[in-house]
Amino acid sequence: MASIISRWINKVDVNCNFSYLRELYLPYKFQLLLRGSRDGFTPKRFHELCDGKPYTVTFIKVKGAEEIIGGYDPSKWESSGEKTNEALYCGSKNGPDFADIILWAHNESTDYTSLVCKKRHHEKSIRDAEGNFTMDDYEVFQILKR
């Protein structure tokens, strides 16, 4: 997975003639910032560990499905709730918002109670089923150049 994301960030042609090198393409280190099952599922904990960190990728394991979703954000996570021109958004009572996927909680100290997926900004739907869902776990990695 790290190799695929690295190639995507650097716009490396995955159909090159040197296919054996594709899996070795790792110019980045993926530093784990947060794992829900280890660090907790509250927005407060998310912001303590992730605010101010640029170049992150978030993975969400959907509960009851063989499905992992998420997204990449080159900008810094902030608690301010201000929207930027980037594809992702994050507010003080929320966690990552990937335009079509939002993690939401009643307040900053309660676990994420609702994750929502609705086609709003992307050309294709991120999930087959729209609406609320729950997660088994989620991870946020900061991507650092080696």
N, C-alpha and C. Protein backbone atom coordinates (compact mmCIF):
# COMPACT_ATOMS: atom_id res chain seq x y z
N MET A 1 0.82 -1.18 0.00
CA MET A 1 0.00 0.00 0.00
C MET A 1 0.87 1.25 0.00
N ALA A 2 1.96 1.25 0.79
CA ALA A 2 2.84 2.42 0.86
C ALA A 2 3.44 2.73 -0.50
N SER A 3 3.80 1.69 -1.24
CA SER A 3 4.37 1.89 -2.57
C SER A 3 3.36 2.52 -3.52
N ILE A 4 2.13 2.06 -3.46
CA ILE A 4 1.07 2.60 -4.32
C ILE A 4 0.84 4.08 -4.01
N ILE A 5 0.76 4.42 -2.74
CA ILE A 5 0.53 5.82 -2.35
C ILE A 5 1.72 6.68 -2.74
N SER A 6 2.94 6.18 -2.56
CA SER A 6 4.14 6.92 -2.95
C SER A 6 4.14 7.23 -4.44
N ARG A 7 3.77 6.25 -5.25
CA ARG A 7 3.71 6.47 -6.70
C ARG A 7 2.62 7.46 -7.06
N TRP A 8 1.51 7.40 -6.36
CA TRP A 8 0.40 8.32 -6.63
C TRP A 8 0.81 9.75 -6.30
N ILE A 9 1.47 9.96 -5.15
CA ILE A 9 1.91 11.30 -4.75
C ILE A 9 2.87 11.88 -5.78
N ASN A 10 3.81 11.06 -6.26
CA ASN A 10 4.83 11.53 -7.21
C ASN A 10 4.43 11.39 -8.67
N LYS A 11 3.20 10.93 -8.91
CA LYS A 11 2.69 10.77 -10.28
C LYS A 11 3.59 9.88 -11.13
N VAL A 12 4.03 8.76 -10.54
CA VAL A 12 4.85 7.78 -11.24
C VAL A 12 3.94 6.88 -12.05
N ASP A 13 4.30 6.62 -13.30
CA ASP A 13 3.51 5.77 -14.19
C ASP A 13 3.54 4.33 -13.68
N VAL A 14 2.37 3.83 -13.29
CA VAL A 14 2.30 2.46 -12.78
C VAL A 14 2.36 1.43 -13.90
N ASN A 15 2.28 1.86 -15.14
CA ASN A 15 2.33 0.94 -16.27
C ASN A 15 3.70 0.94 -16.95
N CYS A 16 4.74 1.36 -16.23
CA CYS A 16 6.07 1.41 -16.82
C CYS A 16 6.57 -0.01 -17.12
N ASN A 17 7.61 -0.10 -17.94
CA ASN A 17 8.17 -1.40 -18.33
C ASN A 17 8.90 -2.08 -17.18
N PHE A 18 9.25 -1.34 -16.16
CA PHE A 18 10.00 -1.89 -15.04
C PHE A 18 9.06 -2.24 -13.89
N SER A 19 8.11 -3.13 -14.16
CA SER A 19 7.08 -3.44 -13.18
C SER A 19 7.65 -4.02 -11.89
N TYR A 20 8.78 -4.72 -11.99
CA TYR A 20 9.37 -5.29 -10.78
C TYR A 20 9.84 -4.21 -9.82
N LEU A 21 10.10 -3.01 -10.31
CA LEU A 21 10.53 -1.90 -9.45
C LEU A 21 9.36 -1.20 -8.78
N ARG A 22 8.17 -1.39 -9.30
CA ARG A 22 7.01 -0.67 -8.76
C ARG A 22 6.82 -0.93 -7.27
N GLU A 23 6.99 -2.17 -6.86
CA GLU A 23 6.77 -2.50 -5.45
C GLU A 23 7.91 -2.03 -4.56
N LEU A 24 9.04 -1.66 -5.15
CA LEU A 24 10.18 -1.19 -4.38
C LEU A 24 10.22 0.33 -4.27
N TYR A 25 9.29 1.02 -4.91
CA TYR A 25 9.30 2.48 -4.94
C TYR A 25 8.79 3.02 -3.61
N LEU A 26 9.70 3.34 -2.71
CA LEU A 26 9.33 3.83 -1.39
C LEU A 26 10.19 5.05 -1.00
N PRO A 27 9.98 6.19 -1.64
CA PRO A 27 10.76 7.37 -1.30
C PRO A 27 10.27 8.06 -0.02
N TYR A 28 9.22 7.50 0.59
CA TYR A 28 8.63 8.11 1.78
C TYR A 28 8.61 7.14 2.94
N LYS A 29 8.62 7.71 4.12
CA LYS A 29 8.42 6.96 5.36
C LYS A 29 7.01 7.28 5.84
N PHE A 30 6.26 6.28 6.24
CA PHE A 30 4.90 6.47 6.75
C PHE A 30 4.95 6.37 8.27
N GLN A 31 4.86 7.52 8.95
CA GLN A 31 4.93 7.57 10.41
C GLN A 31 3.52 7.56 10.99
N LEU A 32 3.22 6.54 11.77
CA LEU A 32 1.89 6.42 12.38
C LEU A 32 1.70 7.51 13.44
N LEU A 33 0.70 8.36 13.23
CA LEU A 33 0.37 9.41 14.20
C LEU A 33 -0.73 8.95 15.15
N LEU A 34 -1.70 8.21 14.64
CA LEU A 34 -2.87 7.83 15.43
C LEU A 34 -3.43 6.52 14.93
N ARG A 35 -3.80 5.67 15.86
CA ARG A 35 -4.58 4.46 15.58
C ARG A 35 -5.72 4.48 16.58
N GLY A 36 -6.95 4.48 16.10
CA GLY A 36 -8.11 4.59 16.97
C GLY A 36 -8.12 3.56 18.08
N SER A 37 -7.83 2.30 17.76
CA SER A 37 -7.87 1.23 18.76
C SER A 37 -6.78 1.39 19.82
N ARG A 38 -5.74 2.12 19.51
CA ARG A 38 -4.64 2.35 20.45
C ARG A 38 -4.79 3.69 21.18
N ASP A 39 -5.17 4.73 20.44
CA ASP A 39 -5.15 6.10 20.96
C ASP A 39 -6.52 6.67 21.30
N GLY A 40 -7.56 6.01 20.87
CA GLY A 40 -8.91 6.49 21.13
C GLY A 40 -9.57 7.05 19.88
N PHE A 41 -10.88 7.20 19.95
CA PHE A 41 -11.67 7.59 18.79
C PHE A 41 -12.29 8.99 18.94
N THR A 42 -11.79 9.80 19.86
CA THR A 42 -12.41 11.11 20.06
C THR A 42 -11.77 12.17 19.18
N PRO A 43 -12.55 13.19 18.79
CA PRO A 43 -11.98 14.31 18.04
C PRO A 43 -10.85 14.99 18.82
N LYS A 44 -11.00 15.08 20.15
CA LYS A 44 -9.97 15.72 20.97
C LYS A 44 -8.63 15.00 20.79
N ARG A 45 -8.66 13.68 20.84
CA ARG A 45 -7.42 12.90 20.68
C ARG A 45 -6.87 13.03 19.26
N PHE A 46 -7.76 13.03 18.29
CA PHE A 46 -7.34 13.23 16.89
C PHE A 46 -6.56 14.54 16.78
N HIS A 47 -7.12 15.63 17.31
CA HIS A 47 -6.48 16.94 17.19
C HIS A 47 -5.19 17.04 18.00
N GLU A 48 -5.14 16.39 19.16
CA GLU A 48 -3.90 16.39 19.95
C GLU A 48 -2.75 15.75 19.17
N LEU A 49 -3.04 14.69 18.45
CA LEU A 49 -2.00 13.94 17.76
C LEU A 49 -1.75 14.38 16.32
N CYS A 50 -2.73 15.02 15.68
CA CYS A 50 -2.62 15.28 14.24
C CYS A 50 -2.59 16.75 13.85
N ASP A 51 -3.07 17.66 14.69
CA ASP A 51 -3.07 19.07 14.31
C ASP A 51 -1.65 19.56 14.03
N GLY A 52 -1.53 20.38 13.01
CA GLY A 52 -0.25 20.95 12.64
C GLY A 52 0.63 20.02 11.82
N LYS A 53 0.14 18.83 11.51
CA LYS A 53 0.93 17.85 10.76
C LYS A 53 0.50 17.86 9.29
N PRO A 54 1.39 18.26 8.39
CA PRO A 54 1.05 18.21 6.96
C PRO A 54 1.33 16.83 6.37
N TYR A 55 0.89 16.62 5.15
CA TYR A 55 1.16 15.40 4.38
C TYR A 55 0.72 14.15 5.13
N THR A 56 -0.58 14.02 5.33
CA THR A 56 -1.10 12.85 6.04
C THR A 56 -2.02 12.04 5.14
N VAL A 57 -2.09 10.77 5.46
CA VAL A 57 -3.04 9.87 4.81
C VAL A 57 -3.81 9.18 5.92
N THR A 58 -5.13 9.10 5.74
CA THR A 58 -6.01 8.49 6.73
C THR A 58 -6.69 7.27 6.11
N PHE A 59 -6.70 6.16 6.86
CA PHE A 59 -7.38 4.95 6.42
C PHE A 59 -8.45 4.61 7.44
N ILE A 60 -9.65 4.27 6.97
CA ILE A 60 -10.77 3.90 7.83
C ILE A 60 -11.22 2.50 7.45
N LYS A 61 -11.26 1.58 8.43
CA LYS A 61 -11.78 0.23 8.22
C LYS A 61 -13.26 0.25 8.55
N VAL A 62 -14.10 0.04 7.53
CA VAL A 62 -15.55 0.08 7.70
C VAL A 62 -16.01 -1.16 8.46
N LYS A 63 -16.82 -0.95 9.50
CA LYS A 63 -17.32 -2.05 10.33
C LYS A 63 -18.30 -2.91 9.54
N GLY A 64 -18.12 -4.23 9.64
CA GLY A 64 -19.03 -5.17 8.99
C GLY A 64 -18.84 -5.29 7.49
N ALA A 65 -17.73 -4.79 6.98
CA ALA A 65 -17.48 -4.85 5.53
C ALA A 65 -15.99 -5.07 5.30
N GLU A 66 -15.67 -5.66 4.20
CA GLU A 66 -14.28 -5.81 3.79
C GLU A 66 -13.92 -4.57 2.98
N GLU A 67 -13.88 -3.44 3.65
CA GLU A 67 -13.73 -2.16 2.96
C GLU A 67 -12.83 -1.22 3.76
N ILE A 68 -11.87 -0.61 3.08
CA ILE A 68 -11.02 0.41 3.66
C ILE A 68 -11.14 1.64 2.78
N ILE A 69 -11.42 2.78 3.42
CA ILE A 69 -11.55 4.04 2.69
C ILE A 69 -10.66 5.08 3.36
N GLY A 70 -10.48 6.21 2.72
CA GLY A 70 -9.67 7.26 3.32
C GLY A 70 -9.23 8.27 2.30
N GLY A 71 -8.20 9.02 2.65
CA GLY A 71 -7.73 10.06 1.76
C GLY A 71 -6.42 10.66 2.21
N TYR A 72 -5.86 11.47 1.33
CA TYR A 72 -4.56 12.13 1.53
C TYR A 72 -4.78 13.62 1.66
N ASP A 73 -4.04 14.26 2.56
CA ASP A 73 -4.12 15.71 2.74
C ASP A 73 -2.71 16.29 2.81
N PRO A 74 -2.32 17.10 1.83
CA PRO A 74 -0.99 17.71 1.88
C PRO A 74 -0.90 18.88 2.85
N SER A 75 -2.03 19.46 3.24
CA SER A 75 -2.00 20.62 4.14
C SER A 75 -2.03 20.17 5.59
N LYS A 76 -1.81 21.11 6.51
CA LYS A 76 -1.82 20.81 7.94
C LYS A 76 -3.24 20.66 8.44
N TRP A 77 -3.47 19.67 9.32
CA TRP A 77 -4.75 19.57 10.01
C TRP A 77 -4.83 20.72 11.00
N GLU A 78 -6.00 21.31 11.13
CA GLU A 78 -6.22 22.42 12.07
C GLU A 78 -7.53 22.22 12.79
N SER A 79 -7.63 22.72 14.02
CA SER A 79 -8.86 22.64 14.81
C SER A 79 -9.78 23.82 14.57
N SER A 80 -9.34 24.78 13.80
CA SER A 80 -10.08 26.04 13.66
C SER A 80 -11.44 25.86 13.01
N GLY A 81 -11.59 24.82 12.21
CA GLY A 81 -12.85 24.62 11.51
C GLY A 81 -12.94 25.42 10.22
N GLU A 82 -11.89 26.16 9.89
CA GLU A 82 -11.90 26.93 8.66
C GLU A 82 -11.66 26.02 7.48
N LYS A 83 -12.40 26.25 6.42
CA LYS A 83 -12.22 25.46 5.21
C LYS A 83 -11.09 26.06 4.38
N THR A 84 -10.40 25.20 3.67
CA THR A 84 -9.34 25.64 2.78
C THR A 84 -9.70 25.18 1.38
N ASN A 85 -8.83 25.49 0.44
CA ASN A 85 -9.04 25.04 -0.93
C ASN A 85 -8.62 23.59 -1.12
N GLU A 86 -8.11 22.96 -0.07
CA GLU A 86 -7.71 21.56 -0.15
C GLU A 86 -8.94 20.67 -0.20
N ALA A 87 -8.73 19.41 -0.52
CA ALA A 87 -9.84 18.46 -0.68
C ALA A 87 -10.37 17.96 0.65
N LEU A 88 -9.69 18.24 1.75
CA LEU A 88 -10.09 17.71 3.04
C LEU A 88 -10.41 18.85 3.99
N TYR A 89 -11.22 18.58 4.99
CA TYR A 89 -11.65 19.58 5.96
C TYR A 89 -11.67 18.95 7.34
N CYS A 90 -11.36 19.75 8.35
CA CYS A 90 -11.36 19.24 9.71
C CYS A 90 -11.79 20.34 10.66
N GLY A 91 -12.80 20.09 11.49
CA GLY A 91 -13.27 21.05 12.48
C GLY A 91 -13.01 20.56 13.89
N SER A 92 -13.18 21.43 14.89
CA SER A 92 -12.81 21.09 16.26
C SER A 92 -13.62 19.95 16.86
N LYS A 93 -14.86 19.76 16.45
CA LYS A 93 -15.66 18.65 16.97
C LYS A 93 -15.66 17.47 16.02
N ASN A 94 -14.92 17.58 14.97
CA ASN A 94 -14.90 16.53 13.96
C ASN A 94 -13.49 16.06 13.73
N GLY A 95 -13.41 14.96 13.05
CA GLY A 95 -12.13 14.46 12.60
C GLY A 95 -12.02 14.74 11.12
N PRO A 96 -11.34 13.88 10.39
CA PRO A 96 -11.15 14.12 8.97
C PRO A 96 -12.47 14.22 8.21
N ASP A 97 -12.50 15.10 7.25
CA ASP A 97 -13.63 15.26 6.34
C ASP A 97 -13.04 15.26 4.94
N PHE A 98 -13.32 14.24 4.18
CA PHE A 98 -12.77 14.10 2.85
C PHE A 98 -13.76 14.53 1.79
N ALA A 99 -14.51 15.58 2.07
CA ALA A 99 -15.52 16.14 1.17
C ALA A 99 -16.72 15.23 1.01
N ASP A 100 -16.52 13.95 0.81
CA ASP A 100 -17.63 13.02 0.68
C ASP A 100 -17.72 12.06 1.87
N ILE A 101 -16.72 12.04 2.74
CA ILE A 101 -16.72 11.20 3.93
C ILE A 101 -16.42 12.10 5.13
N ILE A 102 -17.26 12.06 6.14
CA ILE A 102 -17.09 12.92 7.32
C ILE A 102 -17.13 12.07 8.58
N LEU A 103 -16.17 12.27 9.49
CA LEU A 103 -16.20 11.67 10.82
C LEU A 103 -16.79 12.71 11.75
N TRP A 104 -17.80 12.33 12.52
CA TRP A 104 -18.52 13.30 13.34
C TRP A 104 -18.78 12.74 14.72
N ALA A 105 -18.72 13.62 15.75
CA ALA A 105 -19.04 13.24 17.13
C ALA A 105 -19.88 14.34 17.76
N HIS A 106 -20.60 14.01 18.84
CA HIS A 106 -21.45 15.00 19.52
C HIS A 106 -20.63 16.13 20.13
N ASN A 107 -19.45 15.82 20.65
CA ASN A 107 -18.54 16.85 21.15
C ASN A 107 -17.13 16.30 21.07
N GLU A 108 -16.16 17.11 21.42
CA GLU A 108 -14.77 16.71 21.21
C GLU A 108 -14.28 15.57 22.11
N SER A 109 -15.05 15.25 23.15
CA SER A 109 -14.62 14.21 24.09
C SER A 109 -15.35 12.88 23.94
N THR A 110 -16.30 12.80 23.02
CA THR A 110 -17.00 11.53 22.81
C THR A 110 -16.48 10.86 21.55
N ASP A 111 -16.58 9.54 21.54
CA ASP A 111 -16.13 8.79 20.36
C ASP A 111 -16.93 9.19 19.14
N TYR A 112 -16.31 9.00 17.99
CA TYR A 112 -17.03 9.24 16.74
C TYR A 112 -18.25 8.34 16.71
N THR A 113 -19.42 8.94 16.64
CA THR A 113 -20.66 8.18 16.67
C THR A 113 -21.24 8.01 15.29
N SER A 114 -20.81 8.82 14.37
CA SER A 114 -21.39 8.76 13.04
C SER A 114 -20.34 9.08 12.00
N LEU A 115 -20.27 8.24 11.01
CA LEU A 115 -19.48 8.51 9.83
C LEU A 115 -20.47 8.59 8.70
N VAL A 116 -20.32 9.56 7.86
CA VAL A 116 -21.27 9.79 6.78
C VAL A 116 -20.55 9.75 5.45
N CYS A 117 -21.15 9.09 4.50
CA CYS A 117 -20.64 9.09 3.14
C CYS A 117 -21.77 9.48 2.20
N LYS A 118 -21.56 10.56 1.49
CA LYS A 118 -22.56 11.03 0.53
C LYS A 118 -21.83 11.68 -0.64
N LYS A 119 -22.20 11.30 -1.84
CA LYS A 119 -21.56 11.85 -3.03
C LYS A 119 -21.92 13.33 -3.15
N ARG A 120 -20.92 14.19 -2.93
CA ARG A 120 -21.12 15.63 -3.02
C ARG A 120 -20.13 16.29 -3.96
N HIS A 121 -18.86 15.88 -3.88
CA HIS A 121 -17.82 16.60 -4.59
C HIS A 121 -17.03 15.75 -5.58
N HIS A 122 -17.01 14.47 -5.39
CA HIS A 122 -16.22 13.61 -6.27
C HIS A 122 -17.07 13.14 -7.46
N GLU A 123 -16.39 12.86 -8.54
CA GLU A 123 -17.07 12.40 -9.75
C GLU A 123 -17.75 11.05 -9.53
N LYS A 124 -17.05 10.15 -8.85
CA LYS A 124 -17.60 8.82 -8.56
C LYS A 124 -17.84 8.70 -7.07
N SER A 125 -18.78 7.86 -6.69
CA SER A 125 -19.05 7.62 -5.28
C SER A 125 -17.87 6.90 -4.64
N ILE A 126 -17.56 7.26 -3.43
CA ILE A 126 -16.47 6.63 -2.70
C ILE A 126 -16.89 5.25 -2.20
N ARG A 127 -18.14 5.14 -1.79
CA ARG A 127 -18.69 3.86 -1.33
C ARG A 127 -19.91 3.51 -2.18
N ASP A 128 -20.22 2.22 -2.25
CA ASP A 128 -21.42 1.79 -2.96
C ASP A 128 -22.67 2.25 -2.23
N ALA A 129 -22.62 2.21 -0.89
CA ALA A 129 -23.78 2.61 -0.08
C ALA A 129 -23.54 3.99 0.51
N GLU A 130 -24.48 4.90 0.30
CA GLU A 130 -24.37 6.23 0.89
C GLU A 130 -25.02 6.22 2.26
N GLY A 131 -24.74 7.23 3.05
CA GLY A 131 -25.36 7.39 4.35
C GLY A 131 -24.40 7.08 5.49
N ASN A 132 -24.97 6.91 6.68
CA ASN A 132 -24.17 6.68 7.89
C ASN A 132 -23.60 5.28 7.92
N PHE A 133 -22.43 5.17 8.53
CA PHE A 133 -21.80 3.87 8.76
C PHE A 133 -20.90 4.00 9.98
N THR A 134 -20.38 2.88 10.45
CA THR A 134 -19.47 2.89 11.60
C THR A 134 -18.14 2.28 11.18
N MET A 135 -17.14 2.47 12.04
CA MET A 135 -15.81 1.95 11.71
C MET A 135 -15.32 1.00 12.78
N ASP A 136 -14.48 0.06 12.35
CA ASP A 136 -13.78 -0.81 13.29
C ASP A 136 -12.56 -0.08 13.86
N ASP A 137 -11.86 0.62 12.99
CA ASP A 137 -10.64 1.30 13.39
C ASP A 137 -10.28 2.33 12.33
N TYR A 138 -9.36 3.22 12.68
CA TYR A 138 -8.80 4.12 11.69
C TYR A 138 -7.38 4.49 12.07
N GLU A 139 -6.60 4.85 11.05
CA GLU A 139 -5.20 5.21 11.25
C GLU A 139 -4.88 6.47 10.45
N VAL A 140 -4.02 7.30 11.03
CA VAL A 140 -3.53 8.49 10.36
C VAL A 140 -2.01 8.40 10.33
N PHE A 141 -1.44 8.51 9.13
CA PHE A 141 0.01 8.47 8.95
C PHE A 141 0.47 9.81 8.40
N GLN A 142 1.63 10.27 8.87
CA GLN A 142 2.28 11.42 8.25
C GLN A 142 3.31 10.86 7.27
N ILE A 143 3.33 11.42 6.07
CA ILE A 143 4.22 10.96 5.03
C ILE A 143 5.44 11.87 5.00
N LEU A 144 6.61 11.28 5.26
CA LEU A 144 7.86 12.04 5.34
C LEU A 144 8.82 11.55 4.27
N LYS A 145 9.55 12.48 3.65
CA LYS A 145 10.56 12.08 2.67
C LYS A 145 11.71 11.40 3.39
N ARG A 146 12.23 10.34 2.76
CA ARG A 146 13.38 9.61 3.34
C ARG A 146 14.64 10.42 3.17
